[in-house]
Structures are given as C-alpha cells and as structure tokens.
C-alpha cells in the first residue's frame, strides 16, 4: 500500500490535511505518487501542481516535498502544500 500525506499550511499552521492511498500494486512508484497527488488535489479543490525537478530530488531523498506558489499557475490561498510518503509499519 502506498500512502501520501498531503498538508496545506498557512502561516506555519495546518489548515487542511488528508492521507491518500494507492492500492494498485501494478503501478510504478512515480505513478502511485501522481495518483495520490491527484486524489489530494481533488479533495482540496486544487489544480494539479507542476512537479518540478527540485521536488523530484527532494521527494527521492527525504520522502517529502514542499510545494509553493512556484508550483501553481493560479494564485493559491495557502503558503505551502507539503507531501510526505508514509511508511508501512
């Protein structure tokens, strides 16, 4: 099971969060991540962010990425959109 925690923050406070799950084991990890991001964006009524090379490196190294206005074309009402891979126990 592949789980990603999506967090919206404004002024260093969590204003919304959710955990998205991708249970399709046939997909590659990158595809699972994109599916989770899409689920989180749909729940928060956000456009899908641009996944930049910086985010790719950050997520590969730390299992976490922080997105901001640079990742969105439209204006956003929050400061950061954080994505964190949750490890299975």
PDB file of N, CA and C in Angstrom:
ATOM      1  N   UNK A   1       0.851  -1.177   0.000  1.00  0.00           N
ATOM      2  CA  UNK A   1       0.000   0.000   0.000  1.00  0.00           C
ATOM      3  C   UNK A   1       0.901   1.245   0.000  1.00  0.00           C
ATOM      4  N   UNK A   2       0.556   2.211  -0.798  1.00  0.00           N
ATOM      5  CA  UNK A   2       1.317   3.446  -0.963  1.00  0.00           C
ATOM      6  C   UNK A   2       0.464   4.578  -0.409  1.00  0.00           C
ATOM      7  N   UNK A   3       0.951   5.253   0.644  1.00  0.00           N
ATOM      8  CA  UNK A   3       0.174   6.317   1.290  1.00  0.00           C
ATOM      9  C   UNK A   3       0.959   7.619   1.287  1.00  0.00           C
ATOM     10  N   UNK A   4       0.272   8.700   0.914  1.00  0.00           N
ATOM     11  CA  UNK A   4       0.882  10.032   0.896  1.00  0.00           C
ATOM     12  C   UNK A   4       0.021  10.969   1.734  1.00  0.00           C
ATOM     13  N   UNK A   5       0.679  11.678   2.632  1.00  0.00           N
ATOM     14  CA  UNK A   5       0.004  12.655   3.482  1.00  0.00           C
ATOM     15  C   UNK A   5       0.149  14.015   2.826  1.00  0.00           C
ATOM     16  N   UNK A   6      -0.976  14.650   2.504  1.00  0.00           N
ATOM     17  CA  UNK A   6      -0.988  15.982   1.911  1.00  0.00           C
ATOM     18  C   UNK A   6      -1.397  17.006   2.955  1.00  0.00           C
ATOM     19  N   UNK A   7      -0.616  18.081   3.079  1.00  0.00           N
ATOM     20  CA  UNK A   7      -0.848  19.087   4.104  1.00  0.00           C
ATOM     21  C   UNK A   7      -0.832  20.476   3.461  1.00  0.00           C
ATOM     22  N   UNK A   8      -1.864  21.257   3.727  1.00  0.00           N
ATOM     23  CA  UNK A   8      -1.881  22.668   3.329  1.00  0.00           C
ATOM     24  C   UNK A   8      -1.575  23.496   4.557  1.00  0.00           C
ATOM     25  N   UNK A   9      -0.608  24.426   4.444  1.00  0.00           N
ATOM     26  CA  UNK A   9      -0.233  25.272   5.574  1.00  0.00           C
ATOM     27  C   UNK A   9      -0.320  26.744   5.195  1.00  0.00           C
ATOM     28  N   UNK A  10      -0.753  27.529   6.170  1.00  0.00           N
ATOM     29  CA  UNK A  10      -0.752  28.986   6.038  1.00  0.00           C
ATOM     30  C   UNK A  10      -0.214  29.537   7.361  1.00  0.00           C
ATOM     31  N   UNK A  11       0.775  30.401   7.296  1.00  0.00           N
ATOM     32  CA  UNK A  11       1.412  30.961   8.496  1.00  0.00           C
ATOM     33  C   UNK A  11       1.892  29.864   9.444  1.00  0.00           C
ATOM     34  N   UNK A  12       2.487  28.825   8.873  1.00  0.00           N
ATOM     35  CA  UNK A  12       3.037  27.686   9.619  1.00  0.00           C
ATOM     36  C   UNK A  12       2.004  26.925  10.436  1.00  0.00           C
ATOM     37  N   UNK A  13       0.740  27.020  10.060  1.00  0.00           N
ATOM     38  CA  UNK A  13      -0.326  26.266  10.712  1.00  0.00           C
ATOM     39  C   UNK A  13      -1.023  25.397   9.670  1.00  0.00           C
ATOM     40  N   UNK A  14      -1.348  24.180  10.049  1.00  0.00           N
ATOM     41  CA  UNK A  14      -2.061  23.276   9.148  1.00  0.00           C
ATOM     42  C   UNK A  14      -3.497  23.755   9.013  1.00  0.00           C
ATOM     43  N   UNK A  15      -3.914  24.008   7.773  1.00  0.00           N
ATOM     44  CA  UNK A  15      -5.305  24.425   7.543  1.00  0.00           C
ATOM     45  C   UNK A  15      -6.129  23.284   6.961  1.00  0.00           C
ATOM     46  N   UNK A  16      -5.462  22.287   6.385  1.00  0.00           N
ATOM     47  CA  UNK A  16      -6.154  21.109   5.861  1.00  0.00           C
ATOM     48  C   UNK A  16      -5.124  20.005   5.649  1.00  0.00           C
ATOM     49  N   UNK A  17      -5.575  18.768   5.841  1.00  0.00           N
ATOM     50  CA  UNK A  17      -4.696  17.643   5.544  1.00  0.00           C
ATOM     51  C   UNK A  17      -5.529  16.407   5.257  1.00  0.00           C
ATOM     52  N   UNK A  18      -4.912  15.465   4.581  1.00  0.00           N
ATOM     53  CA  UNK A  18      -5.552  14.181   4.292  1.00  0.00           C
ATOM     54  C   UNK A  18      -4.493  13.181   3.875  1.00  0.00           C
ATOM     55  N   UNK A  19      -4.834  11.913   3.999  1.00  0.00           N
ATOM     56  CA  UNK A  19      -3.949  10.844   3.545  1.00  0.00           C
ATOM     57  C   UNK A  19      -4.601  10.183   2.338  1.00  0.00           C
ATOM     58  N   UNK A  20      -3.868  10.124   1.235  1.00  0.00           N
ATOM     59  CA  UNK A  20      -4.344   9.464   0.020  1.00  0.00           C
ATOM     60  C   UNK A  20      -3.653   8.107  -0.079  1.00  0.00           C
ATOM     61  N   UNK A  21      -4.415   7.110  -0.528  1.00  0.00           N
ATOM     62  CA  UNK A  21      -3.903   5.745  -0.628  1.00  0.00           C
ATOM     63  C   UNK A  21      -4.012   5.271  -2.069  1.00  0.00           C
ATOM     64  N   UNK A  22      -2.947   4.635  -2.544  1.00  0.00           N
ATOM     65  CA  UNK A  22      -2.953   3.991  -3.854  1.00  0.00           C
ATOM     66  C   UNK A  22      -2.695   2.511  -3.613  1.00  0.00           C
ATOM     67  N   UNK A  23      -3.680   1.690  -3.919  1.00  0.00           N
ATOM     68  CA  UNK A  23      -3.564   0.257  -3.657  1.00  0.00           C
ATOM     69  C   UNK A  23      -3.226  -0.547  -4.903  1.00  0.00           C
ATOM     70  N   UNK A  24      -3.061   0.118  -6.032  1.00  0.00           N
ATOM     71  CA  UNK A  24      -2.745  -0.564  -7.280  1.00  0.00           C
ATOM     72  C   UNK A  24      -1.257  -0.916  -7.297  1.00  0.00           C
ATOM     73  N   UNK A  25      -0.938  -2.144  -6.983  1.00  0.00           N
ATOM     74  CA  UNK A  25       0.469  -2.548  -6.880  1.00  0.00           C
ATOM     75  C   UNK A  25       1.134  -2.720  -8.243  1.00  0.00           C
ATOM     76  N   UNK A  26       0.369  -2.676  -9.327  1.00  0.00           N
ATOM     77  CA  UNK A  26       0.931  -2.828 -10.673  1.00  0.00           C
ATOM     78  C   UNK A  26       1.627  -1.557 -11.160  1.00  0.00           C
ATOM     79  N   UNK A  27       1.344  -0.430 -10.531  1.00  0.00           N
ATOM     80  CA  UNK A  27       1.911   0.841 -10.971  1.00  0.00           C
ATOM     81  C   UNK A  27       3.321   1.041 -10.419  1.00  0.00           C
ATOM     82  N   UNK A  28       4.100   1.832 -11.127  1.00  0.00           N
ATOM     83  CA  UNK A  28       5.417   2.237 -10.640  1.00  0.00           C
ATOM     84  C   UNK A  28       5.221   3.255  -9.520  1.00  0.00           C
ATOM     85  N   UNK A  29       6.236   3.429  -8.675  1.00  0.00           N
ATOM     86  CA  UNK A  29       6.117   4.359  -7.546  1.00  0.00           C
ATOM     87  C   UNK A  29       5.785   5.779  -7.994  1.00  0.00           C
ATOM     88  N   UNK A  30       6.368   6.224  -9.093  1.00  0.00           N
ATOM     89  CA  UNK A  30       6.081   7.576  -9.608  1.00  0.00           C
ATOM     90  C   UNK A  30       4.606   7.714  -9.977  1.00  0.00           C
ATOM     91  N   UNK A  31       4.037   6.680 -10.582  1.00  0.00           N
ATOM     92  CA  UNK A  31       2.618   6.703 -10.958  1.00  0.00           C
ATOM     93  C   UNK A  31       1.728   6.663  -9.719  1.00  0.00           C
ATOM     94  N   UNK A  32       2.143   5.908  -8.707  1.00  0.00           N
ATOM     95  CA  UNK A  32       1.389   5.865  -7.448  1.00  0.00           C
ATOM     96  C   UNK A  32       1.389   7.236  -6.791  1.00  0.00           C
ATOM     97  N   UNK A  33       2.549   7.892  -6.797  1.00  0.00           N
ATOM     98  CA  UNK A  33       2.650   9.232  -6.221  1.00  0.00           C
ATOM     99  C   UNK A  33       1.730  10.193  -6.961  1.00  0.00           C
ATOM    100  N   UNK A  34       1.761  10.164  -8.290  1.00  0.00           N
ATOM    101  CA  UNK A  34       0.915  11.066  -9.078  1.00  0.00           C
ATOM    102  C   UNK A  34      -0.571  10.804  -8.820  1.00  0.00           C
ATOM    103  N   UNK A  35      -0.947   9.543  -8.652  1.00  0.00           N
ATOM    104  CA  UNK A  35      -2.345   9.203  -8.350  1.00  0.00           C
ATOM    105  C   UNK A  35      -2.745   9.767  -6.988  1.00  0.00           C
ATOM    106  N   UNK A  36      -1.863   9.664  -6.009  1.00  0.00           N
ATOM    107  CA  UNK A  36      -2.141  10.211  -4.680  1.00  0.00           C
ATOM    108  C   UNK A  36      -2.245  11.733  -4.719  1.00  0.00           C
ATOM    109  N   UNK A  37      -1.347  12.377  -5.442  1.00  0.00           N
ATOM    110  CA  UNK A  37      -1.397  13.837  -5.565  1.00  0.00           C
ATOM    111  C   UNK A  37      -2.720  14.266  -6.193  1.00  0.00           C
ATOM    112  N   UNK A  38      -3.148  13.554  -7.209  1.00  0.00           N
ATOM    113  CA  UNK A  38      -4.418  13.873  -7.867  1.00  0.00           C
ATOM    114  C   UNK A  38      -5.598  13.724  -6.897  1.00  0.00           C
ATOM    115  N   UNK A  39      -5.596  12.669  -6.090  1.00  0.00           N
ATOM    116  CA  UNK A  39      -6.670  12.468  -5.098  1.00  0.00           C
ATOM    117  C   UNK A  39      -6.689  13.615  -4.082  1.00  0.00           C
ATOM    118  N   UNK A  40      -5.508  14.007  -3.616  1.00  0.00           N
ATOM    119  CA  UNK A  40      -5.422  15.092  -2.634  1.00  0.00           C
ATOM    120  C   UNK A  40      -5.894  16.410  -3.251  1.00  0.00           C
ATOM    121  N   UNK A  41      -5.458  16.692  -4.461  1.00  0.00           N
ATOM    122  CA  UNK A  41      -5.870  17.925  -5.139  1.00  0.00           C
ATOM    123  C   UNK A  41      -7.374  17.962  -5.377  1.00  0.00           C
ATOM    124  N   UNK A  42      -7.960  16.836  -5.742  1.00  0.00           N
ATOM    125  CA  UNK A  42      -9.414  16.776  -5.934  1.00  0.00           C
ATOM    126  C   UNK A  42     -10.143  17.058  -4.627  1.00  0.00           C
ATOM    127  N   UNK A  43      -9.652  16.490  -3.533  1.00  0.00           N
ATOM    128  CA  UNK A  43     -10.282  16.698  -2.221  1.00  0.00           C
ATOM    129  C   UNK A  43     -10.197  18.155  -1.793  1.00  0.00           C
ATOM    130  N   UNK A  44      -9.042  18.800  -2.016  1.00  0.00           N
ATOM    131  CA  UNK A  44      -8.841  20.184  -1.619  1.00  0.00           C
ATOM    132  C   UNK A  44      -9.301  21.175  -2.684  1.00  0.00           C
ATOM    133  N   UNK A  45      -9.827  20.695  -3.804  1.00  0.00           N
ATOM    134  CA  UNK A  45     -10.270  21.526  -4.914  1.00  0.00           C
ATOM    135  C   UNK A  45      -9.131  22.427  -5.417  1.00  0.00           C
ATOM    136  N   UNK A  46      -7.984  21.794  -5.677  1.00  0.00           N
ATOM    137  CA  UNK A  46      -6.804  22.491  -6.194  1.00  0.00           C
ATOM    138  C   UNK A  46      -6.507  22.033  -7.607  1.00  0.00           C
ATOM    139  N   UNK A  47      -5.870  22.906  -8.368  1.00  0.00           N
ATOM    140  CA  UNK A  47      -5.330  22.463  -9.644  1.00  0.00           C
ATOM    141  C   UNK A  47      -4.147  21.546  -9.346  1.00  0.00           C
ATOM    142  N   UNK A  48      -3.830  20.663 -10.254  1.00  0.00           N
ATOM    143  CA  UNK A  48      -2.683  19.781 -10.066  1.00  0.00           C
ATOM    144  C   UNK A  48      -1.410  20.623 -10.188  1.00  0.00           C
ATOM    145  N   UNK A  49      -0.520  20.519  -9.196  1.00  0.00           N
ATOM    146  CA  UNK A  49       0.700  21.335  -9.249  1.00  0.00           C
ATOM    147  C   UNK A  49       1.696  20.818 -10.276  1.00  0.00           C
ATOM    148  N   UNK A  50       2.574  21.708 -10.694  1.00  0.00           N
ATOM    149  CA  UNK A  50       3.673  21.300 -11.574  1.00  0.00           C
ATOM    150  C   UNK A  50       4.711  20.606 -10.697  1.00  0.00           C
ATOM    151  N   UNK A  51       5.106  19.418 -11.076  1.00  0.00           N
ATOM    152  CA  UNK A  51       6.088  18.638 -10.328  1.00  0.00           C
ATOM    153  C   UNK A  51       7.456  18.960 -10.914  1.00  0.00           C
ATOM    154  N   UNK A  52       8.207  19.819 -10.241  1.00  0.00           N
ATOM    155  CA  UNK A  52       9.485  20.301 -10.742  1.00  0.00           C
ATOM    156  C   UNK A  52      10.624  19.342 -10.388  1.00  0.00           C
ATOM    157  N   UNK A  53      11.749  19.498 -11.059  1.00  0.00           N
ATOM    158  CA  UNK A  53      12.909  18.647 -10.807  1.00  0.00           C
ATOM    159  C   UNK A  53      13.354  18.759  -9.345  1.00  0.00           C
ATOM    160  N   UNK A  54      13.250  19.949  -8.784  1.00  0.00           N
ATOM    161  CA  UNK A  54      13.587  20.176  -7.378  1.00  0.00           C
ATOM    162  C   UNK A  54      12.720  19.296  -6.476  1.00  0.00           C
ATOM    163  N   UNK A  55      11.409  19.220  -6.786  1.00  0.00           N
ATOM    164  CA  UNK A  55      10.501  18.407  -5.993  1.00  0.00           C
ATOM    165  C   UNK A  55      10.821  16.918  -6.127  1.00  0.00           C
ATOM    166  N   UNK A  56      11.186  16.526  -7.327  1.00  0.00           N
ATOM    167  CA  UNK A  56      11.554  15.137  -7.596  1.00  0.00           C
ATOM    168  C   UNK A  56      12.762  14.723  -6.749  1.00  0.00           C
ATOM    169  N   UNK A  57      13.795  15.556  -6.739  1.00  0.00           N
ATOM    170  CA  UNK A  57      15.006  15.281  -5.944  1.00  0.00           C
ATOM    171  C   UNK A  57      14.691  15.244  -4.448  1.00  0.00           C
ATOM    172  N   UNK A  58      13.913  16.232  -4.007  1.00  0.00           N
ATOM    173  CA  UNK A  58      13.540  16.337  -2.602  1.00  0.00           C
ATOM    174  C   UNK A  58      12.759  15.096  -2.154  1.00  0.00           C
ATOM    175  N   UNK A  59      11.804  14.661  -2.957  1.00  0.00           N
ATOM    176  CA  UNK A  59      10.969  13.516  -2.601  1.00  0.00           C
ATOM    177  C   UNK A  59      11.793  12.224  -2.620  1.00  0.00           C
ATOM    178  N   UNK A  60      12.692  12.095  -3.572  1.00  0.00           N
ATOM    179  CA  UNK A  60      13.532  10.900  -3.644  1.00  0.00           C
ATOM    180  C   UNK A  60      14.476  10.809  -2.444  1.00  0.00           C
ATOM    181  N   UNK A  61      14.978  11.939  -2.003  1.00  0.00           N
ATOM    182  CA  UNK A  61      15.954  11.941  -0.906  1.00  0.00           C
ATOM    183  C   UNK A  61      15.296  11.853   0.467  1.00  0.00           C
ATOM    184  N   UNK A  62      14.200  12.588   0.673  1.00  0.00           N
ATOM    185  CA  UNK A  62      13.596  12.703   2.001  1.00  0.00           C
ATOM    186  C   UNK A  62      12.200  12.083   2.126  1.00  0.00           C
ATOM    187  N   UNK A  63      11.649  11.537   1.037  1.00  0.00           N
ATOM    188  CA  UNK A  63      10.260  11.051   1.021  1.00  0.00           C
ATOM    189  C   UNK A  63       9.293  12.166   1.405  1.00  0.00           C
ATOM    190  N   UNK A  64       9.646  13.387   1.032  1.00  0.00           N
ATOM    191  CA  UNK A  64       8.859  14.568   1.384  1.00  0.00           C
ATOM    192  C   UNK A  64       9.170  15.671   0.380  1.00  0.00           C
ATOM    193  N   UNK A  65       8.152  16.436   0.034  1.00  0.00           N
ATOM    194  CA  UNK A  65       8.347  17.577  -0.864  1.00  0.00           C
ATOM    195  C   UNK A  65       7.460  18.729  -0.400  1.00  0.00           C
ATOM    196  N   UNK A  66       7.981  19.938  -0.529  1.00  0.00           N
ATOM    197  CA  UNK A  66       7.242  21.136  -0.157  1.00  0.00           C
ATOM    198  C   UNK A  66       7.017  21.951  -1.430  1.00  0.00           C
ATOM    199  N   UNK A  67       5.757  22.172  -1.757  1.00  0.00           N
ATOM    200  CA  UNK A  67       5.400  22.930  -2.946  1.00  0.00           C
ATOM    201  C   UNK A  67       4.866  24.296  -2.516  1.00  0.00           C
ATOM    202  N   UNK A  68       5.091  25.303  -3.355  1.00  0.00           N
ATOM    203  CA  UNK A  68       4.612  26.649  -3.048  1.00  0.00           C
ATOM    204  C   UNK A  68       4.032  27.287  -4.316  1.00  0.00           C
ATOM    205  N   UNK A  69       3.884  28.588  -4.311  1.00  0.00           N
ATOM    206  CA  UNK A  69       3.273  29.289  -5.445  1.00  0.00           C
ATOM    207  C   UNK A  69       3.984  28.984  -6.755  1.00  0.00           C
ATOM    208  N   UNK A  70       5.286  28.714  -6.716  1.00  0.00           N
ATOM    209  CA  UNK A  70       6.042  28.402  -7.935  1.00  0.00           C
ATOM    210  C   UNK A  70       5.527  27.150  -8.647  1.00  0.00           C
ATOM    211  N   UNK A  71       4.837  26.282  -7.925  1.00  0.00           N
ATOM    212  CA  UNK A  71       4.340  25.036  -8.495  1.00  0.00           C
ATOM    213  C   UNK A  71       2.925  25.164  -9.064  1.00  0.00           C
ATOM    214  N   UNK A  72       2.314  26.313  -8.906  1.00  0.00           N
ATOM    215  CA  UNK A  72       0.937  26.511  -9.349  1.00  0.00           C
ATOM    216  C   UNK A  72       0.854  27.685 -10.316  1.00  0.00           C
ATOM    217  N   UNK A  73      -0.002  27.560 -11.301  1.00  0.00           N
ATOM    218  CA  UNK A  73      -0.211  28.639 -12.258  1.00  0.00           C
ATOM    219  C   UNK A  73      -1.148  29.687 -11.660  1.00  0.00           C
ATOM    220  N   UNK A  74      -2.237  29.231 -11.037  1.00  0.00           N
ATOM    221  CA  UNK A  74      -3.192  30.141 -10.409  1.00  0.00           C
ATOM    222  C   UNK A  74      -2.693  30.545  -9.028  1.00  0.00           C
ATOM    223  N   UNK A  75      -3.244  31.630  -8.512  1.00  0.00           N
ATOM    224  CA  UNK A  75      -2.913  32.048  -7.144  1.00  0.00           C
ATOM    225  C   UNK A  75      -3.433  31.024  -6.155  1.00  0.00           C
ATOM    226  N   UNK A  76      -2.695  30.845  -5.066  1.00  0.00           N
ATOM    227  CA  UNK A  76      -3.099  29.888  -4.044  1.00  0.00           C
ATOM    228  C   UNK A  76      -3.421  30.633  -2.756  1.00  0.00           C
ATOM    229  N   UNK A  77      -4.276  30.056  -1.922  1.00  0.00           N
ATOM    230  CA  UNK A  77      -4.699  30.705  -0.673  1.00  0.00           C
ATOM    231  C   UNK A  77      -3.967  30.133   0.538  1.00  0.00           C
ATOM    232  N   UNK A  78      -2.845  29.494   0.307  1.00  0.00           N
ATOM    233  CA  UNK A  78      -2.047  28.904   1.372  1.00  0.00           C
ATOM    234  C   UNK A  78      -0.580  29.169   1.061  1.00  0.00           C
ATOM    235  N   UNK A  79       0.286  28.917   2.022  1.00  0.00           N
ATOM    236  CA  UNK A  79       1.714  29.171   1.815  1.00  0.00           C
ATOM    237  C   UNK A  79       2.428  27.964   1.212  1.00  0.00           C
ATOM    238  N   UNK A  80       2.167  26.776   1.758  1.00  0.00           N
ATOM    239  CA  UNK A  80       2.833  25.574   1.267  1.00  0.00           C
ATOM    240  C   UNK A  80       1.859  24.404   1.162  1.00  0.00           C
ATOM    241  N   UNK A  81       2.166  23.532   0.232  1.00  0.00           N
ATOM    242  CA  UNK A  81       1.460  22.266   0.045  1.00  0.00           C
ATOM    243  C   UNK A  81       2.529  21.202   0.221  1.00  0.00           C
ATOM    244  N   UNK A  82       2.466  20.479   1.330  1.00  0.00           N
ATOM    245  CA  UNK A  82       3.508  19.515   1.662  1.00  0.00           C
ATOM    246  C   UNK A  82       2.988  18.104   1.394  1.00  0.00           C
ATOM    247  N   UNK A  83       3.869  17.294   0.840  1.00  0.00           N
ATOM    248  CA  UNK A  83       3.549  15.899   0.541  1.00  0.00           C
ATOM    249  C   UNK A  83       4.589  15.026   1.218  1.00  0.00           C
ATOM    250  N   UNK A  84       4.125  14.033   1.963  1.00  0.00           N
ATOM    251  CA  UNK A  84       5.033  13.157   2.685  1.00  0.00           C
ATOM    252  C   UNK A  84       4.593  11.708   2.504  1.00  0.00           C
ATOM    253  N   UNK A  85       5.550  10.874   2.120  1.00  0.00           N
ATOM    254  CA  UNK A  85       5.291   9.439   1.969  1.00  0.00           C
ATOM    255  C   UNK A  85       5.252   8.806   3.342  1.00  0.00           C
ATOM    256  N   UNK A  86       4.173   8.094   3.638  1.00  0.00           N
ATOM    257  CA  UNK A  86       4.043   7.415   4.937  1.00  0.00           C
ATOM    258  C   UNK A  86       4.504   5.971   4.775  1.00  0.00           C
ATOM    259  N   UNK A  87       5.455   5.585   5.591  1.00  0.00           N
ATOM    260  CA  UNK A  87       5.996   4.231   5.532  1.00  0.00           C
ATOM    261  C   UNK A  87       5.030   3.241   6.171  1.00  0.00           C
ATOM    262  N   UNK A  88       4.936   2.049   5.590  1.00  0.00           N
ATOM    263  CA  UNK A  88       4.158   0.979   6.201  1.00  0.00           C
ATOM    264  C   UNK A  88       4.944   0.407   7.363  1.00  0.00           C
ATOM    265  N   UNK A  89       4.227   0.085   8.404  1.00  0.00           N
ATOM    266  CA  UNK A  89       4.901  -0.455   9.595  1.00  0.00           C
ATOM    267  C   UNK A  89       5.028  -1.942   9.520  1.00  0.00           C
TER     268      UNK A  89
END
